[in-house]
Amino acid sequence: MKTNLITRAGYEKLQQERDQLWRVERRETTEKVTWAASLGDRSENADYKYNKQKLRQIDRRIRFLDKRLEQLKIVDHSPQQDGKVFFGAWVEIENDDGDKRRFRIVGPDEIYGRNDYISIDSPMARALLKKQVDDEVEVATPTGTKQWFVTDINYHALENI
């Protein structure tokens, strides 16, 4: 089950996608469908079929985004969170082998296309919640339990959205 939390930047990104689909892509695709339909026989008209299918996909995504945006709860950073891992934190961890990882804990709607974001629903994120720098974290993985140490927590890292 997806958690209905999202960062403000993530919410704005979903809104921008929805607006782009509604105002630009849907309008352009509708014009193409109208043009292709005016050519006559639709049964063998590849432009008509392709753009009609694309229009259905756009409409489906718009409906999904409309519903999802209503369900989501924006979580903003609070100064009380400083020093501990909570939603929206950039966390750096290291294991005994010296492997380092750095990522941000965000909502499940924000992780796509980003290698440096993990979902709040992931085992790693759940294990890290409320931890502080130098705390040890045990994470259950398919290959066994792994131990990590929190080396840095930051809520003000620069975004490159």
N, C-alpha and C. Protein backbone atom coordinates (compact mmCIF):
# COMPACT_ATOMS: atom_id res chain seq x y z
N MET A 1 0.84 -1.19 0.00
CA MET A 1 0.00 0.00 0.00
C MET A 1 0.88 1.24 0.00
N LYS A 2 0.51 2.21 -0.81
CA LYS A 2 1.28 3.44 -0.90
C LYS A 2 0.91 4.40 0.23
N THR A 3 1.94 5.02 0.77
CA THR A 3 1.74 6.08 1.75
C THR A 3 1.33 7.33 0.99
N ASN A 4 0.39 8.08 1.51
CA ASN A 4 -0.11 9.27 0.82
C ASN A 4 0.62 10.54 1.22
N LEU A 5 1.93 10.44 1.42
CA LEU A 5 2.74 11.60 1.76
C LEU A 5 3.57 12.02 0.55
N ILE A 6 3.85 13.32 0.47
CA ILE A 6 4.65 13.84 -0.63
C ILE A 6 5.31 15.14 -0.18
N THR A 7 6.48 15.42 -0.73
CA THR A 7 7.13 16.69 -0.45
C THR A 7 6.45 17.78 -1.27
N ARG A 8 6.63 19.02 -0.88
CA ARG A 8 6.02 20.11 -1.63
C ARG A 8 6.53 20.13 -3.08
N ALA A 9 7.84 19.92 -3.26
CA ALA A 9 8.41 19.90 -4.62
C ALA A 9 7.82 18.76 -5.45
N GLY A 10 7.62 17.61 -4.84
CA GLY A 10 7.04 16.48 -5.54
C GLY A 10 5.60 16.75 -5.95
N TYR A 11 4.85 17.39 -5.06
CA TYR A 11 3.45 17.73 -5.36
C TYR A 11 3.38 18.71 -6.53
N GLU A 12 4.25 19.71 -6.49
CA GLU A 12 4.26 20.69 -7.58
C GLU A 12 4.65 20.05 -8.90
N LYS A 13 5.55 19.08 -8.86
CA LYS A 13 5.95 18.38 -10.08
C LYS A 13 4.79 17.60 -10.68
N LEU A 14 4.01 16.92 -9.82
CA LEU A 14 2.83 16.20 -10.31
C LEU A 14 1.79 17.16 -10.87
N GLN A 15 1.61 18.32 -10.22
CA GLN A 15 0.69 19.32 -10.73
C GLN A 15 1.13 19.83 -12.10
N GLN A 16 2.43 20.06 -12.26
CA GLN A 16 2.96 20.52 -13.54
C GLN A 16 2.73 19.48 -14.63
N GLU A 17 2.94 18.20 -14.29
CA GLU A 17 2.69 17.14 -15.27
C GLU A 17 1.23 17.13 -15.69
N ARG A 18 0.33 17.24 -14.71
CA ARG A 18 -1.10 17.25 -15.00
C ARG A 18 -1.47 18.44 -15.88
N ASP A 19 -0.94 19.62 -15.55
CA ASP A 19 -1.22 20.82 -16.34
C ASP A 19 -0.67 20.70 -17.76
N GLN A 20 0.53 20.15 -17.91
CA GLN A 20 1.14 19.95 -19.23
C GLN A 20 0.28 19.00 -20.07
N LEU A 21 -0.17 17.92 -19.45
CA LEU A 21 -1.01 16.97 -20.17
C LEU A 21 -2.33 17.61 -20.60
N TRP A 22 -2.95 18.35 -19.69
CA TRP A 22 -4.27 18.93 -19.97
C TRP A 22 -4.20 20.09 -20.96
N ARG A 23 -3.27 20.99 -20.73
CA ARG A 23 -3.22 22.22 -21.53
C ARG A 23 -2.49 22.07 -22.86
N VAL A 24 -1.50 21.20 -22.93
CA VAL A 24 -0.67 21.13 -24.13
C VAL A 24 -0.89 19.82 -24.89
N GLU A 25 -0.51 18.71 -24.26
CA GLU A 25 -0.53 17.44 -24.98
C GLU A 25 -1.93 17.00 -25.38
N ARG A 26 -2.90 17.18 -24.51
CA ARG A 26 -4.27 16.78 -24.86
C ARG A 26 -4.80 17.63 -26.00
N ARG A 27 -4.55 18.92 -25.95
CA ARG A 27 -5.02 19.82 -27.01
C ARG A 27 -4.39 19.45 -28.36
N GLU A 28 -3.07 19.22 -28.36
CA GLU A 28 -2.38 18.86 -29.61
C GLU A 28 -2.89 17.53 -30.16
N THR A 29 -3.07 16.57 -29.29
CA THR A 29 -3.53 15.25 -29.73
C THR A 29 -4.97 15.32 -30.23
N THR A 30 -5.82 16.10 -29.59
CA THR A 30 -7.19 16.27 -30.05
C THR A 30 -7.22 16.88 -31.45
N GLU A 31 -6.35 17.86 -31.69
CA GLU A 31 -6.27 18.45 -33.03
C GLU A 31 -5.84 17.43 -34.07
N LYS A 32 -4.90 16.56 -33.72
CA LYS A 32 -4.45 15.52 -34.64
C LYS A 32 -5.56 14.51 -34.93
N VAL A 33 -6.34 14.15 -33.90
CA VAL A 33 -7.45 13.22 -34.08
C VAL A 33 -8.49 13.84 -35.01
N THR A 34 -8.79 15.10 -34.79
CA THR A 34 -9.77 15.80 -35.63
C THR A 34 -9.29 15.86 -37.07
N TRP A 35 -8.02 16.19 -37.26
CA TRP A 35 -7.45 16.25 -38.62
C TRP A 35 -7.51 14.88 -39.28
N ALA A 36 -7.08 13.84 -38.56
CA ALA A 36 -7.06 12.49 -39.13
C ALA A 36 -8.47 12.01 -39.44
N ALA A 37 -9.45 12.36 -38.60
CA ALA A 37 -10.83 11.96 -38.84
C ALA A 37 -11.40 12.63 -40.08
N SER A 38 -10.92 13.84 -40.37
CA SER A 38 -11.42 14.57 -41.55
C SER A 38 -10.94 13.96 -42.86
N LEU A 39 -9.97 13.06 -42.80
CA LEU A 39 -9.44 12.43 -44.01
C LEU A 39 -10.36 11.34 -44.56
N GLY A 40 -11.34 10.96 -43.79
CA GLY A 40 -12.28 9.96 -44.29
C GLY A 40 -12.24 8.67 -43.51
N ASP A 41 -12.13 7.56 -44.21
CA ASP A 41 -12.22 6.21 -43.63
C ASP A 41 -11.29 6.04 -42.43
N ARG A 42 -11.89 5.89 -41.26
CA ARG A 42 -11.12 5.78 -40.02
C ARG A 42 -10.62 4.35 -39.78
N SER A 43 -11.20 3.39 -40.40
CA SER A 43 -10.85 2.00 -40.13
C SER A 43 -9.42 1.67 -40.57
N GLU A 44 -8.91 2.36 -41.58
CA GLU A 44 -7.55 2.10 -42.05
C GLU A 44 -6.64 3.31 -41.89
N ASN A 45 -7.05 4.24 -41.04
CA ASN A 45 -6.30 5.48 -40.85
C ASN A 45 -5.39 5.33 -39.63
N ALA A 46 -4.11 5.10 -39.86
CA ALA A 46 -3.15 4.87 -38.77
C ALA A 46 -3.00 6.09 -37.88
N ASP A 47 -2.99 7.30 -38.47
CA ASP A 47 -2.87 8.52 -37.67
C ASP A 47 -4.05 8.64 -36.70
N TYR A 48 -5.24 8.35 -37.20
CA TYR A 48 -6.42 8.44 -36.36
C TYR A 48 -6.34 7.44 -35.21
N LYS A 49 -6.03 6.18 -35.52
CA LYS A 49 -5.97 5.14 -34.50
C LYS A 49 -4.91 5.44 -33.46
N TYR A 50 -3.71 5.82 -33.92
CA TYR A 50 -2.62 6.09 -33.00
C TYR A 50 -2.95 7.25 -32.07
N ASN A 51 -3.43 8.35 -32.63
CA ASN A 51 -3.71 9.53 -31.80
C ASN A 51 -4.93 9.35 -30.92
N LYS A 52 -5.89 8.54 -31.36
CA LYS A 52 -7.04 8.23 -30.51
C LYS A 52 -6.58 7.42 -29.29
N GLN A 53 -5.67 6.46 -29.52
CA GLN A 53 -5.12 5.67 -28.42
C GLN A 53 -4.30 6.56 -27.49
N LYS A 54 -3.50 7.44 -28.06
CA LYS A 54 -2.70 8.37 -27.26
C LYS A 54 -3.60 9.27 -26.42
N LEU A 55 -4.70 9.71 -26.98
CA LEU A 55 -5.65 10.56 -26.26
C LEU A 55 -6.24 9.80 -25.07
N ARG A 56 -6.56 8.52 -25.25
CA ARG A 56 -7.08 7.71 -24.13
C ARG A 56 -6.03 7.58 -23.03
N GLN A 57 -4.76 7.39 -23.42
CA GLN A 57 -3.69 7.29 -22.42
C GLN A 57 -3.52 8.61 -21.66
N ILE A 58 -3.59 9.72 -22.36
CA ILE A 58 -3.47 11.03 -21.72
C ILE A 58 -4.63 11.23 -20.74
N ASP A 59 -5.84 10.93 -21.19
CA ASP A 59 -7.01 11.08 -20.31
C ASP A 59 -6.92 10.19 -19.08
N ARG A 60 -6.42 8.96 -19.27
CA ARG A 60 -6.27 8.03 -18.14
C ARG A 60 -5.26 8.59 -17.13
N ARG A 61 -4.15 9.13 -17.62
CA ARG A 61 -3.13 9.70 -16.72
C ARG A 61 -3.66 10.94 -16.01
N ILE A 62 -4.41 11.77 -16.71
CA ILE A 62 -4.99 12.97 -16.08
C ILE A 62 -5.96 12.56 -14.97
N ARG A 63 -6.81 11.57 -15.23
CA ARG A 63 -7.74 11.10 -14.19
C ARG A 63 -6.98 10.56 -12.98
N PHE A 64 -5.91 9.78 -13.24
CA PHE A 64 -5.11 9.25 -12.15
C PHE A 64 -4.50 10.38 -11.33
N LEU A 65 -3.90 11.37 -12.02
CA LEU A 65 -3.26 12.48 -11.31
C LEU A 65 -4.28 13.29 -10.52
N ASP A 66 -5.46 13.53 -11.09
CA ASP A 66 -6.50 14.27 -10.37
C ASP A 66 -6.85 13.56 -9.06
N LYS A 67 -7.07 12.24 -9.13
CA LYS A 67 -7.41 11.48 -7.93
C LYS A 67 -6.25 11.46 -6.93
N ARG A 68 -5.05 11.21 -7.45
CA ARG A 68 -3.88 11.09 -6.58
C ARG A 68 -3.57 12.41 -5.88
N LEU A 69 -3.66 13.53 -6.61
CA LEU A 69 -3.37 14.84 -6.01
C LEU A 69 -4.34 15.15 -4.88
N GLU A 70 -5.58 14.68 -4.99
CA GLU A 70 -6.56 14.88 -3.92
C GLU A 70 -6.19 14.07 -2.67
N GLN A 71 -5.61 12.90 -2.86
CA GLN A 71 -5.30 12.00 -1.75
C GLN A 71 -4.03 12.38 -1.00
N LEU A 72 -3.12 13.05 -1.68
CA LEU A 72 -1.79 13.29 -1.13
C LEU A 72 -1.80 14.36 -0.03
N LYS A 73 -0.91 14.16 0.93
CA LYS A 73 -0.72 15.13 2.01
C LYS A 73 0.70 15.67 1.90
N ILE A 74 0.83 16.96 1.73
CA ILE A 74 2.14 17.60 1.61
C ILE A 74 2.78 17.67 3.00
N VAL A 75 4.03 17.24 3.07
CA VAL A 75 4.77 17.29 4.33
C VAL A 75 5.94 18.25 4.15
N ASP A 76 5.91 19.33 4.89
CA ASP A 76 6.98 20.32 4.85
C ASP A 76 7.95 20.07 6.01
N HIS A 77 9.17 20.51 5.82
CA HIS A 77 10.20 20.37 6.86
C HIS A 77 9.86 21.24 8.06
N SER A 78 10.11 20.68 9.22
CA SER A 78 9.93 21.42 10.47
C SER A 78 11.28 21.47 11.18
N PRO A 79 11.66 22.61 11.75
CA PRO A 79 12.94 22.70 12.47
C PRO A 79 13.07 21.67 13.60
N GLN A 80 11.95 21.19 14.11
CA GLN A 80 11.98 20.19 15.18
C GLN A 80 12.55 18.86 14.68
N GLN A 81 12.56 18.65 13.37
CA GLN A 81 13.06 17.41 12.79
C GLN A 81 14.59 17.36 12.72
N ASP A 82 15.23 18.50 12.77
CA ASP A 82 16.69 18.55 12.61
C ASP A 82 17.37 17.59 13.57
N GLY A 83 18.34 16.87 13.03
CA GLY A 83 19.12 15.93 13.83
C GLY A 83 18.59 14.51 13.83
N LYS A 84 17.38 14.31 13.32
CA LYS A 84 16.81 12.97 13.23
C LYS A 84 16.26 12.75 11.81
N VAL A 85 16.15 11.49 11.45
CA VAL A 85 15.66 11.14 10.12
C VAL A 85 14.13 11.08 10.13
N PHE A 86 13.53 11.91 9.29
CA PHE A 86 12.10 11.91 9.07
C PHE A 86 11.85 12.07 7.58
N PHE A 87 10.59 12.12 7.21
CA PHE A 87 10.20 12.27 5.81
C PHE A 87 10.84 13.53 5.22
N GLY A 88 11.40 13.40 4.04
CA GLY A 88 12.02 14.53 3.34
C GLY A 88 13.50 14.70 3.62
N ALA A 89 14.06 13.88 4.49
CA ALA A 89 15.47 14.02 4.87
C ALA A 89 16.39 13.45 3.80
N TRP A 90 17.52 14.12 3.59
CA TRP A 90 18.63 13.56 2.83
C TRP A 90 19.48 12.83 3.85
N VAL A 91 19.72 11.54 3.61
CA VAL A 91 20.45 10.72 4.57
C VAL A 91 21.67 10.11 3.89
N GLU A 92 22.78 10.14 4.60
CA GLU A 92 23.97 9.45 4.13
C GLU A 92 24.28 8.34 5.11
N ILE A 93 24.49 7.14 4.56
CA ILE A 93 24.77 5.98 5.39
C ILE A 93 26.03 5.28 4.89
N GLU A 94 26.65 4.52 5.79
CA GLU A 94 27.86 3.78 5.44
C GLU A 94 27.84 2.45 6.18
N ASN A 95 28.39 1.42 5.52
CA ASN A 95 28.47 0.12 6.20
C ASN A 95 29.92 -0.16 6.62
N ASP A 96 30.16 -1.32 7.23
CA ASP A 96 31.49 -1.68 7.71
C ASP A 96 32.51 -1.82 6.58
N ASP A 97 32.03 -2.12 5.37
CA ASP A 97 32.93 -2.28 4.21
C ASP A 97 33.32 -0.94 3.59
N GLY A 98 32.77 0.14 4.09
CA GLY A 98 33.07 1.46 3.54
C GLY A 98 32.15 1.88 2.40
N ASP A 99 31.13 1.06 2.09
CA ASP A 99 30.16 1.44 1.06
C ASP A 99 29.29 2.57 1.58
N LYS A 100 29.16 3.62 0.77
CA LYS A 100 28.35 4.78 1.17
C LYS A 100 27.17 4.92 0.23
N ARG A 101 26.08 5.37 0.79
CA ARG A 101 24.88 5.66 0.02
C ARG A 101 24.32 6.98 0.51
N ARG A 102 23.78 7.76 -0.42
CA ARG A 102 23.13 9.02 -0.07
C ARG A 102 21.81 9.08 -0.82
N PHE A 103 20.73 9.37 -0.12
CA PHE A 103 19.42 9.42 -0.74
C PHE A 103 18.47 10.27 0.09
N ARG A 104 17.35 10.58 -0.52
CA ARG A 104 16.31 11.34 0.16
C ARG A 104 15.10 10.45 0.37
N ILE A 105 14.50 10.53 1.52
CA ILE A 105 13.30 9.75 1.83
C ILE A 105 12.08 10.58 1.43
N VAL A 106 11.34 10.06 0.46
CA VAL A 106 10.20 10.78 -0.10
C VAL A 106 9.01 9.84 -0.26
N GLY A 107 7.92 10.38 -0.77
CA GLY A 107 6.73 9.57 -1.02
C GLY A 107 6.90 8.68 -2.24
N PRO A 108 6.10 7.63 -2.35
CA PRO A 108 6.24 6.69 -3.46
C PRO A 108 5.98 7.30 -4.83
N ASP A 109 5.28 8.42 -4.90
CA ASP A 109 5.01 9.07 -6.19
C ASP A 109 6.21 9.85 -6.71
N GLU A 110 7.24 10.02 -5.91
CA GLU A 110 8.38 10.86 -6.28
C GLU A 110 9.62 10.10 -6.72
N ILE A 111 9.66 8.79 -6.55
CA ILE A 111 10.90 8.05 -6.74
C ILE A 111 11.23 7.74 -8.20
N TYR A 112 10.27 7.82 -9.09
CA TYR A 112 10.49 7.41 -10.47
C TYR A 112 11.42 8.36 -11.20
N GLY A 113 12.41 7.78 -11.86
CA GLY A 113 13.38 8.58 -12.60
C GLY A 113 14.48 9.16 -11.73
N ARG A 114 14.52 8.79 -10.49
CA ARG A 114 15.53 9.31 -9.56
C ARG A 114 16.24 8.15 -8.87
N ASN A 115 17.55 8.11 -8.95
CA ASN A 115 18.33 7.08 -8.27
C ASN A 115 18.66 7.48 -6.83
N ASP A 116 18.47 8.76 -6.51
CA ASP A 116 18.84 9.25 -5.19
C ASP A 116 17.62 9.48 -4.28
N TYR A 117 16.47 8.93 -4.66
CA TYR A 117 15.28 9.00 -3.83
C TYR A 117 14.85 7.58 -3.48
N ILE A 118 14.39 7.38 -2.23
CA ILE A 118 13.78 6.11 -1.86
C ILE A 118 12.41 6.39 -1.23
N SER A 119 11.53 5.45 -1.37
CA SER A 119 10.18 5.59 -0.84
C SER A 119 10.16 5.43 0.67
N ILE A 120 9.31 6.19 1.31
CA ILE A 120 9.10 6.08 2.75
C ILE A 120 8.61 4.67 3.10
N ASP A 121 8.04 3.97 2.12
CA ASP A 121 7.53 2.62 2.34
C ASP A 121 8.61 1.54 2.25
N SER A 122 9.81 1.90 1.84
CA SER A 122 10.88 0.90 1.68
C SER A 122 11.41 0.45 3.03
N PRO A 123 11.94 -0.77 3.10
CA PRO A 123 12.50 -1.26 4.36
C PRO A 123 13.64 -0.37 4.89
N MET A 124 14.47 0.16 3.98
CA MET A 124 15.57 1.03 4.40
C MET A 124 15.03 2.29 5.07
N ALA A 125 14.06 2.93 4.44
CA ALA A 125 13.49 4.16 5.00
C ALA A 125 12.82 3.90 6.35
N ARG A 126 12.08 2.82 6.43
CA ARG A 126 11.40 2.49 7.69
C ARG A 126 12.41 2.26 8.82
N ALA A 127 13.52 1.61 8.48
CA ALA A 127 14.55 1.34 9.49
C ALA A 127 15.25 2.62 9.93
N LEU A 128 15.34 3.59 9.02
CA LEU A 128 16.07 4.82 9.33
C LEU A 128 15.25 5.85 10.12
N LEU A 129 13.94 5.75 10.08
CA LEU A 129 13.10 6.75 10.74
C LEU A 129 13.48 6.93 12.21
N LYS A 130 13.60 8.18 12.60
CA LYS A 130 13.91 8.63 13.97
C LYS A 130 15.35 8.35 14.40
N LYS A 131 16.19 7.90 13.48
CA LYS A 131 17.60 7.67 13.82
C LYS A 131 18.36 8.99 13.77
N GLN A 132 19.53 9.01 14.43
CA GLN A 132 20.39 10.19 14.47
C GLN A 132 21.75 9.82 13.88
N VAL A 133 22.59 10.83 13.68
CA VAL A 133 23.94 10.59 13.20
C VAL A 133 24.66 9.66 14.18
N ASP A 134 25.40 8.72 13.64
CA ASP A 134 26.16 7.69 14.37
C ASP A 134 25.30 6.55 14.89
N ASP A 135 24.00 6.57 14.64
CA ASP A 135 23.16 5.43 15.02
C ASP A 135 23.39 4.28 14.05
N GLU A 136 23.23 3.07 14.57
CA GLU A 136 23.35 1.87 13.75
C GLU A 136 21.95 1.44 13.31
N VAL A 137 21.84 1.01 12.05
CA VAL A 137 20.55 0.63 11.49
C VAL A 137 20.68 -0.78 10.91
N GLU A 138 19.75 -1.64 11.26
CA GLU A 138 19.70 -2.98 10.68
C GLU A 138 18.55 -3.04 9.70
N VAL A 139 18.86 -3.48 8.47
CA VAL A 139 17.86 -3.54 7.41
C VAL A 139 17.75 -4.97 6.91
N ALA A 140 16.55 -5.50 6.92
CA ALA A 140 16.33 -6.85 6.40
C ALA A 140 16.28 -6.79 4.87
N THR A 141 17.13 -7.60 4.23
CA THR A 141 17.17 -7.68 2.77
C THR A 141 16.97 -9.14 2.36
N PRO A 142 16.71 -9.38 1.08
CA PRO A 142 16.56 -10.78 0.64
C PRO A 142 17.80 -11.63 0.89
N THR A 143 18.97 -11.00 0.96
CA THR A 143 20.21 -11.75 1.20
C THR A 143 20.61 -11.78 2.67
N GLY A 144 19.76 -11.26 3.53
CA GLY A 144 20.05 -11.26 4.96
C GLY A 144 20.03 -9.86 5.54
N THR A 145 20.27 -9.77 6.81
CA THR A 145 20.25 -8.48 7.50
C THR A 145 21.56 -7.74 7.26
N LYS A 146 21.45 -6.47 6.90
CA LYS A 146 22.61 -5.61 6.66
C LYS A 146 22.65 -4.52 7.72
N GLN A 147 23.86 -4.15 8.11
CA GLN A 147 24.03 -3.08 9.09
C GLN A 147 24.62 -1.85 8.42
N TRP A 148 24.03 -0.71 8.74
CA TRP A 148 24.48 0.58 8.22
C TRP A 148 24.60 1.55 9.37
N PHE A 149 25.42 2.57 9.17
CA PHE A 149 25.59 3.63 10.17
C PHE A 149 25.19 4.95 9.53
N VAL A 150 24.41 5.74 10.24
CA VAL A 150 24.00 7.05 9.74
C VAL A 150 25.17 8.01 9.91
N THR A 151 25.63 8.61 8.79
CA THR A 151 26.76 9.53 8.85
C THR A 151 26.37 10.98 8.65
N ASP A 152 25.19 11.22 8.04
CA ASP A 152 24.77 12.61 7.83
C ASP A 152 23.27 12.66 7.61
N ILE A 153 22.65 13.71 8.14
CA ILE A 153 21.22 13.97 7.93
C ILE A 153 21.09 15.43 7.56
N ASN A 154 20.41 15.70 6.46
CA ASN A 154 20.28 17.08 6.00
C ASN A 154 18.90 17.27 5.40
N TYR A 155 18.27 18.38 5.74
CA TYR A 155 16.95 18.69 5.17
C TYR A 155 17.03 19.84 4.16
N HIS A 156 18.22 20.37 3.97
CA HIS A 156 18.34 21.56 3.13
C HIS A 156 19.26 21.34 1.94
N ALA A 157 19.41 20.10 1.49
CA ALA A 157 20.26 19.82 0.32
C ALA A 157 19.65 20.48 -0.91
N LEU A 158 20.49 20.87 -1.82
CA LEU A 158 20.01 21.49 -3.05
C LEU A 158 19.24 20.49 -3.89
N GLU A 159 18.12 20.92 -4.41
CA GLU A 159 17.30 20.08 -5.27
C GLU A 159 17.73 20.26 -6.71
N ASN A 160 17.73 19.18 -7.46
CA ASN A 160 17.97 19.27 -8.90
C ASN A 160 16.82 18.61 -9.64
N ILE A 161 15.63 19.06 -9.33
CA ILE A 161 14.41 18.49 -9.92
C ILE A 161 14.27 18.91 -11.35
